Amino acid sequence: MPVLAIPFPVIDPVLVSIGPFAIRWYALAYIVGLVGGWLYARRLAATERLWGPLKRPTPADLDDLLVYVALGVVLGGRLGYVLFYDLKQYLEHPLDILAVWRGGMSFHGGFLGAVLGIFLLARSRKLSVLAMFDVAAAVAPIGLFLGRLANFVNGELWGRAAPDFPYAMVFPNGGPLPRHPSQLYEAFAEGLLLFVAVTIAVRLFGFRRPGLVSAVFAIGYALARTVCEFFREPDPQLGFLLGTKIAALGGGLTMGMLLCVPLFIAGVILLIAAASGRTRPRLTLERAAA
């Protein structure tokens, strides 16, 4: 083991336990991320200069949006993990699908679930669907940051073996070799850096060009996740896909990389459309005039 290898700071994944009732860091990360995003979204909705002529969501709209997004993230994230990452195992043990406290959530599945929830709410309230996507994109990195920290606390989704990397960690369930703390890389890239990127987009353009902030989020996440995948150990039941080998980095194409391709392409298309003004509605009305 390298002299500077860092022991994993073992943290009990259960924050508080009272009899059969337990509060886990993993669940707390989801709750705090959703509530923190909801509070920030209310602040963005209250800032009139960001919206121009677009109809702004009311506090009641955002209260309901929290429920829609929470259901979409949890149900979509779990279903996405089952379908994309371990379908065979869950077909053999279908009751395990309900054991969400053991981990096993897919960002891409949660993303699609949240998109569906936002779409349904925006259409029912006659709000701009793309503008509501933008609000969600502006706050989503908060949850991503906390979620990756929870992955680290759980000692899951660790990085690839890096015996020569001086600041690698030996994870309790990751074997004897030091590994990249890839959860922390993802918290930094998909959380902090992405939050800075979407915040700059909000400050410069607000939501007056519907879809632009969402495009920045989609492109930024796809790039950040793809880079981090080079340091993250692939799921053992999947390994590397398509036999692709990248000798310089000792790996290949992973499921995470593959799922980021359509997300990146959609982001580029949306960015071009939003920047050219094609996503602006021809006529927008304030709520008071509705």
C-alpha atoms as a PDB file:
ATOM      1  CA  MET A   1       0.000   0.000   0.000  1.00  0.00           C
ATOM      2  CA  PRO A   2       1.385   3.465  -0.851  1.00  0.00           C
ATOM      3  CA  VAL A   3       2.690   5.406   2.139  1.00  0.00           C
ATOM      4  CA  LEU A   4       0.190   8.212   1.572  1.00  0.00           C
ATOM      5  CA  ALA A   5      -2.844   6.011   0.955  1.00  0.00           C
ATOM      6  CA  ILE A   6      -5.742   7.332   3.014  1.00  0.00           C
ATOM      7  CA  PRO A   7      -7.771   4.984   5.223  1.00  0.00           C
ATOM      8  CA  PHE A   8     -11.469   5.168   4.502  1.00  0.00           C
ATOM      9  CA  PRO A   9     -13.179   7.207   7.238  1.00  0.00           C
ATOM     10  CA  VAL A  10     -15.734   4.603   8.258  1.00  0.00           C
ATOM     11  CA  ILE A  11     -19.020   6.375   8.991  1.00  0.00           C
ATOM     12  CA  ASP A  12     -22.120   4.529  10.103  1.00  0.00           C
ATOM     13  CA  PRO A  13     -24.580   4.786   7.184  1.00  0.00           C
ATOM     14  CA  VAL A  14     -27.356   5.061   9.787  1.00  0.00           C
ATOM     15  CA  LEU A  15     -27.473   8.563  11.247  1.00  0.00           C
ATOM     16  CA  VAL A  16     -30.059   7.894  13.950  1.00  0.00           C
ATOM     17  CA  SER A  17     -31.667   4.627  14.970  1.00  0.00           C
ATOM     18  CA  ILE A  18     -34.616   4.297  17.364  1.00  0.00           C
ATOM     19  CA  GLY A  19     -35.792   0.713  17.586  1.00  0.00           C
ATOM     20  CA  PRO A  20     -36.756  -0.466  14.089  1.00  0.00           C
ATOM     21  CA  PHE A  21     -36.820   3.130  12.828  1.00  0.00           C
ATOM     22  CA  ALA A  22     -33.614   4.389  11.240  1.00  0.00           C
ATOM     23  CA  ILE A  23     -32.615   7.561   9.426  1.00  0.00           C
ATOM     24  CA  ARG A  24     -29.848   6.872   6.917  1.00  0.00           C
ATOM     25  CA  TRP A  25     -27.441   9.366   5.419  1.00  0.00           C
ATOM     26  CA  TYR A  26     -28.521   8.174   1.974  1.00  0.00           C
ATOM     27  CA  ALA A  27     -32.176   9.044   2.572  1.00  0.00           C
ATOM     28  CA  LEU A  28     -31.226  12.284   4.314  1.00  0.00           C
ATOM     29  CA  ALA A  29     -29.222  13.368   1.268  1.00  0.00           C
ATOM     30  CA  TYR A  30     -32.304  12.954  -0.936  1.00  0.00           C
ATOM     31  CA  ILE A  31     -34.527  14.827   1.516  1.00  0.00           C
ATOM     32  CA  VAL A  32     -32.131  17.729   2.069  1.00  0.00           C
ATOM     33  CA  GLY A  33     -31.384  17.925  -1.660  1.00  0.00           C
ATOM     34  CA  LEU A  34     -35.070  18.107  -2.581  1.00  0.00           C
ATOM     35  CA  VAL A  35     -35.948  20.608   0.156  1.00  0.00           C
ATOM     36  CA  GLY A  36     -32.856  22.728  -0.543  1.00  0.00           C
ATOM     37  CA  GLY A  37     -33.664  22.747  -4.249  1.00  0.00           C
ATOM     38  CA  TRP A  38     -37.283  23.684  -3.511  1.00  0.00           C
ATOM     39  CA  LEU A  39     -36.227  26.659  -1.366  1.00  0.00           C
ATOM     40  CA  TYR A  40     -33.776  27.867  -4.011  1.00  0.00           C
ATOM     41  CA  ALA A  41     -36.427  27.427  -6.724  1.00  0.00           C
ATOM     42  CA  ARG A  42     -38.828  29.642  -4.744  1.00  0.00           C
ATOM     43  CA  ARG A  43     -36.148  32.318  -4.620  1.00  0.00           C
ATOM     44  CA  LEU A  44     -35.572  32.088  -8.365  1.00  0.00           C
ATOM     45  CA  ALA A  45     -39.302  32.269  -9.080  1.00  0.00           C
ATOM     46  CA  ALA A  46     -39.588  35.393  -6.939  1.00  0.00           C
ATOM     47  CA  THR A  47     -36.860  37.211  -8.915  1.00  0.00           C
ATOM     48  CA  GLU A  48     -38.882  39.001 -11.587  1.00  0.00           C
ATOM     49  CA  ARG A  49     -35.957  40.125 -13.751  1.00  0.00           C
ATOM     50  CA  LEU A  50     -35.084  36.498 -14.556  1.00  0.00           C
ATOM     51  CA  TRP A  51     -38.418  35.844 -16.259  1.00  0.00           C
ATOM     52  CA  GLY A  52     -39.173  38.784 -18.531  1.00  0.00           C
ATOM     53  CA  PRO A  53     -42.641  38.289 -20.060  1.00  0.00           C
ATOM     54  CA  LEU A  54     -42.827  34.612 -19.112  1.00  0.00           C
ATOM     55  CA  LYS A  55     -45.469  33.509 -16.648  1.00  0.00           C
ATOM     56  CA  ARG A  56     -43.772  32.765 -13.339  1.00  0.00           C
ATOM     57  CA  PRO A  57     -44.678  29.799 -11.129  1.00  0.00           C
ATOM     58  CA  THR A  58     -46.375  30.683  -7.862  1.00  0.00           C
ATOM     59  CA  PRO A  59     -45.196  29.357  -4.481  1.00  0.00           C
ATOM     60  CA  ALA A  60     -48.092  26.877  -4.630  1.00  0.00           C
ATOM     61  CA  ASP A  61     -46.887  25.655  -8.033  1.00  0.00           C
ATOM     62  CA  LEU A  62     -43.420  25.040  -6.608  1.00  0.00           C
ATOM     63  CA  ASP A  63     -44.848  23.279  -3.566  1.00  0.00           C
ATOM     64  CA  ASP A  64     -46.586  20.846  -5.892  1.00  0.00           C
ATOM     65  CA  LEU A  65     -43.504  20.622  -8.091  1.00  0.00           C
ATOM     66  CA  LEU A  66     -41.531  19.321  -5.106  1.00  0.00           C
ATOM     67  CA  VAL A  67     -43.929  16.382  -4.832  1.00  0.00           C
ATOM     68  CA  TYR A  68     -43.903  15.674  -8.570  1.00  0.00           C
ATOM     69  CA  VAL A  69     -40.108  15.771  -8.762  1.00  0.00           C
ATOM     70  CA  ALA A  70     -39.615  13.727  -5.578  1.00  0.00           C
ATOM     71  CA  LEU A  71     -41.828  10.955  -6.929  1.00  0.00           C
ATOM     72  CA  GLY A  72     -40.176  11.138 -10.337  1.00  0.00           C
ATOM     73  CA  VAL A  73     -36.639  10.996  -8.928  1.00  0.00           C
ATOM     74  CA  VAL A  74     -37.291   8.110  -6.534  1.00  0.00           C
ATOM     75  CA  LEU A  75     -39.453   5.981  -8.821  1.00  0.00           C
ATOM     76  CA  GLY A  76     -37.509   6.790 -11.987  1.00  0.00           C
ATOM     77  CA  GLY A  77     -34.148   6.421 -10.283  1.00  0.00           C
ATOM     78  CA  ARG A  78     -35.000   3.009  -8.903  1.00  0.00           C
ATOM     79  CA  LEU A  79     -36.637   1.771 -12.098  1.00  0.00           C
ATOM     80  CA  GLY A  80     -33.701   3.061 -14.126  1.00  0.00           C
ATOM     81  CA  TYR A  81     -31.229   1.172 -11.952  1.00  0.00           C
ATOM     82  CA  VAL A  82     -33.266  -2.020 -12.239  1.00  0.00           C
ATOM     83  CA  LEU A  83     -33.532  -1.764 -16.032  1.00  0.00           C
ATOM     84  CA  PHE A  84     -30.098  -0.394 -16.914  1.00  0.00           C
ATOM     85  CA  TYR A  85     -27.800  -1.926 -14.330  1.00  0.00           C
ATOM     86  CA  ASP A  86     -29.060  -5.203 -12.843  1.00  0.00           C
ATOM     87  CA  LEU A  87     -32.224  -6.432 -14.564  1.00  0.00           C
ATOM     88  CA  LYS A  88     -31.359 -10.124 -14.291  1.00  0.00           C
ATOM     89  CA  GLN A  89     -30.840  -9.950 -10.533  1.00  0.00           C
ATOM     90  CA  TYR A  90     -34.123  -8.144  -9.916  1.00  0.00           C
ATOM     91  CA  LEU A  91     -36.064 -10.497 -12.173  1.00  0.00           C
ATOM     92  CA  GLU A  92     -34.821 -13.346  -9.985  1.00  0.00           C
ATOM     93  CA  HIS A  93     -35.554 -11.448  -6.749  1.00  0.00           C
ATOM     94  CA  PRO A  94     -38.342  -8.948  -7.575  1.00  0.00           C
ATOM     95  CA  LEU A  95     -38.993  -7.992  -3.938  1.00  0.00           C
ATOM     96  CA  ASP A  96     -35.485  -6.524  -3.788  1.00  0.00           C
ATOM     97  CA  ILE A  97     -36.732  -3.734  -6.048  1.00  0.00           C
ATOM     98  CA  LEU A  98     -38.443  -2.261  -2.972  1.00  0.00           C
ATOM     99  CA  ALA A  99     -35.257  -2.320  -0.855  1.00  0.00           C
ATOM    100  CA  VAL A 100     -34.177   1.205  -1.802  1.00  0.00           C
ATOM    101  CA  TRP A 101     -32.365   1.634   1.531  1.00  0.00           C
ATOM    102  CA  ARG A 102     -29.668  -0.695   0.207  1.00  0.00           C
ATOM    103  CA  GLY A 103     -28.822   1.803  -2.520  1.00  0.00           C
ATOM    104  CA  GLY A 104     -29.161   1.326  -6.233  1.00  0.00           C
ATOM    105  CA  MET A 105     -30.435   4.479  -7.901  1.00  0.00           C
ATOM    106  CA  SER A 106     -29.781   5.571 -11.478  1.00  0.00           C
ATOM    107  CA  PHE A 107     -29.259   9.258 -12.202  1.00  0.00           C
ATOM    108  CA  HIS A 108     -30.515   8.861 -15.752  1.00  0.00           C
ATOM    109  CA  GLY A 109     -33.670   7.068 -14.584  1.00  0.00           C
ATOM    110  CA  GLY A 110     -34.276   9.701 -11.928  1.00  0.00           C
ATOM    111  CA  PHE A 111     -33.663  12.388 -14.517  1.00  0.00           C
ATOM    112  CA  LEU A 112     -36.332  10.973 -16.835  1.00  0.00           C
ATOM    113  CA  GLY A 113     -38.745  10.582 -13.935  1.00  0.00           C
ATOM    114  CA  ALA A 114     -38.199  14.201 -12.884  1.00  0.00           C
ATOM    115  CA  VAL A 115     -38.624  15.383 -16.492  1.00  0.00           C
ATOM    116  CA  LEU A 116     -41.982  13.613 -16.692  1.00  0.00           C
ATOM    117  CA  GLY A 117     -43.131  15.096 -13.383  1.00  0.00           C
ATOM    118  CA  ILE A 118     -42.113  18.632 -14.392  1.00  0.00           C
ATOM    119  CA  PHE A 119     -43.802  18.249 -17.783  1.00  0.00           C
ATOM    120  CA  LEU A 120     -47.086  17.133 -16.241  1.00  0.00           C
ATOM    121  CA  LEU A 121     -47.148  19.929 -13.688  1.00  0.00           C
ATOM    122  CA  ALA A 122     -46.155  22.651 -16.157  1.00  0.00           C
ATOM    123  CA  ARG A 123     -48.825  21.619 -18.644  1.00  0.00           C
ATOM    124  CA  SER A 124     -51.511  21.458 -15.962  1.00  0.00           C
ATOM    125  CA  ARG A 125     -50.634  24.972 -14.711  1.00  0.00           C
ATOM    126  CA  LYS A 126     -50.131  26.471 -18.199  1.00  0.00           C
ATOM    127  CA  LEU A 127     -46.487  27.274 -17.459  1.00  0.00           C
ATOM    128  CA  SER A 128     -43.625  27.134 -19.937  1.00  0.00           C
ATOM    129  CA  VAL A 129     -42.424  23.531 -19.846  1.00  0.00           C
ATOM    130  CA  LEU A 130     -38.882  24.465 -20.863  1.00  0.00           C
ATOM    131  CA  ALA A 131     -38.704  27.296 -18.330  1.00  0.00           C
ATOM    132  CA  MET A 132     -39.726  24.892 -15.580  1.00  0.00           C
ATOM    133  CA  PHE A 133     -37.062  22.480 -16.778  1.00  0.00           C
ATOM    134  CA  ASP A 134     -34.638  25.389 -16.426  1.00  0.00           C
ATOM    135  CA  VAL A 135     -35.659  26.012 -12.829  1.00  0.00           C
ATOM    136  CA  ALA A 136     -35.134  22.339 -12.016  1.00  0.00           C
ATOM    137  CA  ALA A 137     -31.769  22.337 -13.812  1.00  0.00           C
ATOM    138  CA  ALA A 138     -30.646  25.347 -11.769  1.00  0.00           C
ATOM    139  CA  VAL A 139     -31.254  23.558  -8.473  1.00  0.00           C
ATOM    140  CA  ALA A 140     -30.495  19.916  -9.387  1.00  0.00           C
ATOM    141  CA  PRO A 141     -26.720  20.087  -8.680  1.00  0.00           C
ATOM    142  CA  ILE A 142     -27.546  20.593  -4.998  1.00  0.00           C
ATOM    143  CA  GLY A 143     -29.066  17.125  -4.835  1.00  0.00           C
ATOM    144  CA  LEU A 144     -26.322  15.616  -6.986  1.00  0.00           C
ATOM    145  CA  PHE A 145     -23.640  16.958  -4.653  1.00  0.00           C
ATOM    146  CA  LEU A 146     -25.333  15.580  -1.547  1.00  0.00           C
ATOM    147  CA  GLY A 147     -26.139  12.280  -3.236  1.00  0.00           C
ATOM    148  CA  ARG A 148     -22.516  11.636  -4.159  1.00  0.00           C
ATOM    149  CA  LEU A 149     -21.418  12.466  -0.623  1.00  0.00           C
ATOM    150  CA  ALA A 150     -23.952   9.898   0.590  1.00  0.00           C
ATOM    151  CA  ASN A 151     -22.449   7.339  -1.801  1.00  0.00           C
ATOM    152  CA  PHE A 152     -19.080   8.033  -0.190  1.00  0.00           C
ATOM    153  CA  VAL A 153     -20.461   7.637   3.335  1.00  0.00           C
ATOM    154  CA  ASN A 154     -22.058   4.335   2.291  1.00  0.00           C
ATOM    155  CA  GLY A 155     -18.706   3.157   0.931  1.00  0.00           C
ATOM    156  CA  GLU A 156     -20.319   2.329  -2.417  1.00  0.00           C
ATOM    157  CA  LEU A 157     -19.618   3.172  -6.062  1.00  0.00           C
ATOM    158  CA  TRP A 158     -15.930   3.418  -5.302  1.00  0.00           C
ATOM    159  CA  GLY A 159     -13.266   4.153  -7.890  1.00  0.00           C
ATOM    160  CA  ARG A 160     -10.902   1.992  -9.860  1.00  0.00           C
ATOM    161  CA  ALA A 161      -7.821   0.527  -8.247  1.00  0.00           C
ATOM    162  CA  ALA A 162      -5.020   3.102  -8.077  1.00  0.00           C
ATOM    163  CA  PRO A 163      -2.105   1.585  -6.120  1.00  0.00           C
ATOM    164  CA  ASP A 164       0.283   4.301  -7.348  1.00  0.00           C
ATOM    165  CA  PHE A 165      -1.996   7.226  -6.589  1.00  0.00           C
ATOM    166  CA  PRO A 166      -0.843   8.707  -3.268  1.00  0.00           C
ATOM    167  CA  TYR A 167      -4.265   9.885  -2.120  1.00  0.00           C
ATOM    168  CA  ALA A 168      -6.270   6.783  -2.945  1.00  0.00           C
ATOM    169  CA  MET A 169      -8.424   5.093  -0.292  1.00  0.00           C
ATOM    170  CA  VAL A 170      -8.925   1.519   0.831  1.00  0.00           C
ATOM    171  CA  PHE A 171     -12.687   1.019   0.901  1.00  0.00           C
ATOM    172  CA  PRO A 172     -14.144  -1.556   3.357  1.00  0.00           C
ATOM    173  CA  ASN A 173     -15.847  -3.575   0.603  1.00  0.00           C
ATOM    174  CA  GLY A 174     -13.496  -2.679  -2.229  1.00  0.00           C
ATOM    175  CA  GLY A 175     -10.752  -5.210  -1.620  1.00  0.00           C
ATOM    176  CA  PRO A 176      -7.210  -4.602  -0.341  1.00  0.00           C
ATOM    177  CA  LEU A 177      -6.093  -2.208  -3.092  1.00  0.00           C
ATOM    178  CA  PRO A 178      -6.326   1.578  -2.678  1.00  0.00           C
ATOM    179  CA  ARG A 179      -8.893   3.091  -5.005  1.00  0.00           C
ATOM    180  CA  HIS A 180      -9.843   6.486  -6.370  1.00  0.00           C
ATOM    181  CA  PRO A 181     -12.478   8.169  -4.156  1.00  0.00           C
ATOM    182  CA  SER A 182     -14.543   8.693  -7.291  1.00  0.00           C
ATOM    183  CA  GLN A 183     -17.655   9.615  -5.322  1.00  0.00           C
ATOM    184  CA  LEU A 184     -15.844  12.778  -4.199  1.00  0.00           C
ATOM    185  CA  TYR A 185     -14.726  13.495  -7.777  1.00  0.00           C
ATOM    186  CA  GLU A 186     -18.360  13.255  -8.859  1.00  0.00           C
ATOM    187  CA  ALA A 187     -19.557  15.434  -5.975  1.00  0.00           C
ATOM    188  CA  PHE A 188     -17.096  18.099  -7.122  1.00  0.00           C
ATOM    189  CA  ALA A 189     -17.729  17.828 -10.879  1.00  0.00           C
ATOM    190  CA  GLU A 190     -21.447  16.967 -11.027  1.00  0.00           C
ATOM    191  CA  GLY A 191     -22.291  19.012  -7.941  1.00  0.00           C
ATOM    192  CA  LEU A 192     -20.106  22.057  -7.356  1.00  0.00           C
ATOM    193  CA  LEU A 193     -18.764  22.713 -10.861  1.00  0.00           C
ATOM    194  CA  LEU A 194     -22.123  22.072 -12.500  1.00  0.00           C
ATOM    195  CA  PHE A 195     -23.841  24.357  -9.991  1.00  0.00           C
ATOM    196  CA  VAL A 196     -21.418  27.146 -10.901  1.00  0.00           C
ATOM    197  CA  ALA A 197     -22.074  26.585 -14.633  1.00  0.00           C
ATOM    198  CA  VAL A 198     -25.866  26.675 -14.387  1.00  0.00           C
ATOM    199  CA  THR A 199     -25.760  29.617 -11.971  1.00  0.00           C
ATOM    200  CA  ILE A 200     -23.715  31.625 -14.480  1.00  0.00           C
ATOM    201  CA  ALA A 201     -26.285  30.755 -17.169  1.00  0.00           C
ATOM    202  CA  VAL A 202     -29.120  31.901 -14.888  1.00  0.00           C
ATOM    203  CA  ARG A 203     -27.348  35.163 -14.052  1.00  0.00           C
ATOM    204  CA  LEU A 204     -26.623  35.933 -17.708  1.00  0.00           C
ATOM    205  CA  PHE A 205     -29.851  34.815 -19.369  1.00  0.00           C
ATOM    206  CA  GLY A 206     -32.352  34.062 -16.621  1.00  0.00           C
ATOM    207  CA  PHE A 207     -35.256  31.996 -17.933  1.00  0.00           C
ATOM    208  CA  ARG A 208     -36.047  34.343 -20.786  1.00  0.00           C
ATOM    209  CA  ARG A 209     -34.588  31.873 -23.289  1.00  0.00           C
ATOM    210  CA  PRO A 210     -36.486  28.725 -22.253  1.00  0.00           C
ATOM    211  CA  GLY A 211     -34.353  25.605 -22.385  1.00  0.00           C
ATOM    212  CA  LEU A 212     -30.962  27.308 -22.282  1.00  0.00           C
ATOM    213  CA  VAL A 213     -30.217  26.559 -18.624  1.00  0.00           C
ATOM    214  CA  SER A 214     -31.446  22.990 -19.120  1.00  0.00           C
ATOM    215  CA  ALA A 215     -29.082  22.630 -22.074  1.00  0.00           C
ATOM    216  CA  VAL A 216     -26.129  23.832 -20.005  1.00  0.00           C
ATOM    217  CA  PHE A 217     -27.062  21.331 -17.314  1.00  0.00           C
ATOM    218  CA  ALA A 218     -27.430  18.412 -19.747  1.00  0.00           C
ATOM    219  CA  ILE A 219     -24.150  19.110 -21.526  1.00  0.00           C
ATOM    220  CA  GLY A 220     -22.296  19.839 -18.302  1.00  0.00           C
ATOM    221  CA  TYR A 221     -23.534  16.732 -16.542  1.00  0.00           C
ATOM    222  CA  ALA A 222     -22.799  14.483 -19.518  1.00  0.00           C
ATOM    223  CA  LEU A 223     -19.217  15.770 -19.718  1.00  0.00           C
ATOM    224  CA  ALA A 224     -18.621  15.674 -15.952  1.00  0.00           C
ATOM    225  CA  ARG A 225     -20.060  12.168 -15.576  1.00  0.00           C
ATOM    226  CA  THR A 226     -18.098  10.839 -18.554  1.00  0.00           C
ATOM    227  CA  VAL A 227     -14.800  12.159 -17.186  1.00  0.00           C
ATOM    228  CA  CYS A 228     -15.535  10.769 -13.720  1.00  0.00           C
ATOM    229  CA  GLU A 229     -16.404   7.373 -15.206  1.00  0.00           C
ATOM    230  CA  PHE A 230     -12.739   6.960 -16.135  1.00  0.00           C
ATOM    231  CA  PHE A 231     -11.965   6.837 -12.407  1.00  0.00           C
ATOM    232  CA  ARG A 232     -15.050   4.939 -11.220  1.00  0.00           C
ATOM    233  CA  GLU A 233     -15.158   1.156 -11.008  1.00  0.00           C
ATOM    234  CA  PRO A 234     -17.866  -0.178 -13.352  1.00  0.00           C
ATOM    235  CA  ASP A 235     -20.743  -2.069 -11.791  1.00  0.00           C
ATOM    236  CA  PRO A 236     -19.505  -5.661 -11.395  1.00  0.00           C
ATOM    237  CA  GLN A 237     -22.565  -7.192 -13.050  1.00  0.00           C
ATOM    238  CA  LEU A 238     -21.928  -5.087 -16.178  1.00  0.00           C
ATOM    239  CA  GLY A 239     -18.205  -4.391 -16.393  1.00  0.00           C
ATOM    240  CA  PHE A 240     -17.016  -2.609 -19.519  1.00  0.00           C
ATOM    241  CA  LEU A 241     -19.352  -2.540 -22.507  1.00  0.00           C
ATOM    242  CA  LEU A 242     -18.879  -3.320 -26.193  1.00  0.00           C
ATOM    243  CA  GLY A 243     -15.347  -4.589 -25.619  1.00  0.00           C
ATOM    244  CA  THR A 244     -14.002  -1.057 -25.984  1.00  0.00           C
ATOM    245  CA  LYS A 245     -10.568  -0.639 -24.433  1.00  0.00           C
ATOM    246  CA  ILE A 246      -8.802   2.619 -23.759  1.00  0.00           C
ATOM    247  CA  ALA A 247      -5.273   1.515 -22.986  1.00  0.00           C
ATOM    248  CA  ALA A 248      -4.053   4.855 -21.677  1.00  0.00           C
ATOM    249  CA  LEU A 249      -6.652   4.820 -18.898  1.00  0.00           C
ATOM    250  CA  GLY A 250      -6.876   1.082 -18.411  1.00  0.00           C
ATOM    251  CA  GLY A 251     -10.592   0.866 -19.018  1.00  0.00           C
ATOM    252  CA  GLY A 252     -13.326   1.168 -21.570  1.00  0.00           C
ATOM    253  CA  LEU A 253     -16.862   2.237 -22.246  1.00  0.00           C
ATOM    254  CA  THR A 254     -19.213   2.007 -19.239  1.00  0.00           C
ATOM    255  CA  MET A 255     -22.978   2.142 -18.892  1.00  0.00           C
ATOM    256  CA  GLY A 256     -22.691   5.602 -17.347  1.00  0.00           C
ATOM    257  CA  MET A 257     -20.818   6.866 -20.398  1.00  0.00           C
ATOM    258  CA  LEU A 258     -23.257   5.247 -22.797  1.00  0.00           C
ATOM    259  CA  LEU A 259     -26.291   6.811 -21.123  1.00  0.00           C
ATOM    260  CA  CYS A 260     -24.632  10.237 -21.253  1.00  0.00           C
ATOM    261  CA  VAL A 261     -24.427  10.193 -25.054  1.00  0.00           C
ATOM    262  CA  PRO A 262     -28.140  10.900 -25.745  1.00  0.00           C
ATOM    263  CA  LEU A 263     -28.171  13.388 -22.867  1.00  0.00           C
ATOM    264  CA  PHE A 264     -25.269  15.306 -24.426  1.00  0.00           C
ATOM    265  CA  ILE A 265     -26.819  15.256 -27.902  1.00  0.00           C
ATOM    266  CA  ALA A 266     -30.172  16.471 -26.556  1.00  0.00           C
ATOM    267  CA  GLY A 267     -28.369  19.232 -24.657  1.00  0.00           C
ATOM    268  CA  VAL A 268     -26.555  20.460 -27.764  1.00  0.00           C
ATOM    269  CA  ILE A 269     -29.766  20.493 -29.830  1.00  0.00           C
ATOM    270  CA  LEU A 270     -31.626  22.352 -27.077  1.00  0.00           C
ATOM    271  CA  LEU A 271     -28.779  24.844 -26.650  1.00  0.00           C
ATOM    272  CA  ILE A 272     -28.836  25.723 -30.357  1.00  0.00           C
ATOM    273  CA  ALA A 273     -32.614  26.099 -30.342  1.00  0.00           C
ATOM    274  CA  ALA A 274     -32.661  28.228 -27.177  1.00  0.00           C
ATOM    275  CA  ALA A 275     -29.737  30.437 -28.202  1.00  0.00           C
ATOM    276  CA  SER A 276     -31.398  31.154 -31.563  1.00  0.00           C
ATOM    277  CA  GLY A 277     -34.636  32.164 -29.865  1.00  0.00           C
ATOM    278  CA  ARG A 278     -36.683  29.310 -31.317  1.00  0.00           C
ATOM    279  CA  THR A 279     -37.931  28.216 -27.903  1.00  0.00           C
ATOM    280  CA  ARG A 280     -39.392  31.598 -27.004  1.00  0.00           C
ATOM    281  CA  PRO A 281     -43.197  31.525 -26.997  1.00  0.00           C
ATOM    282  CA  ARG A 282     -44.852  33.903 -29.423  1.00  0.00           C
ATOM    283  CA  LEU A 283     -47.141  35.235 -26.757  1.00  0.00           C
ATOM    284  CA  THR A 284     -46.758  34.957 -22.996  1.00  0.00           C
ATOM    285  CA  LEU A 285     -49.198  36.203 -20.425  1.00  0.00           C
ATOM    286  CA  GLU A 286     -48.673  37.068 -16.796  1.00  0.00           C
ATOM    287  CA  ARG A 287     -50.727  35.082 -14.301  1.00  0.00           C
ATOM    288  CA  ALA A 288     -52.779  38.115 -13.459  1.00  0.00           C
ATOM    289  CA  ALA A 289     -53.989  38.387 -17.046  1.00  0.00           C
ATOM    290  CA  ALA A 290     -54.752  34.669 -17.348  1.00  0.00           C
END
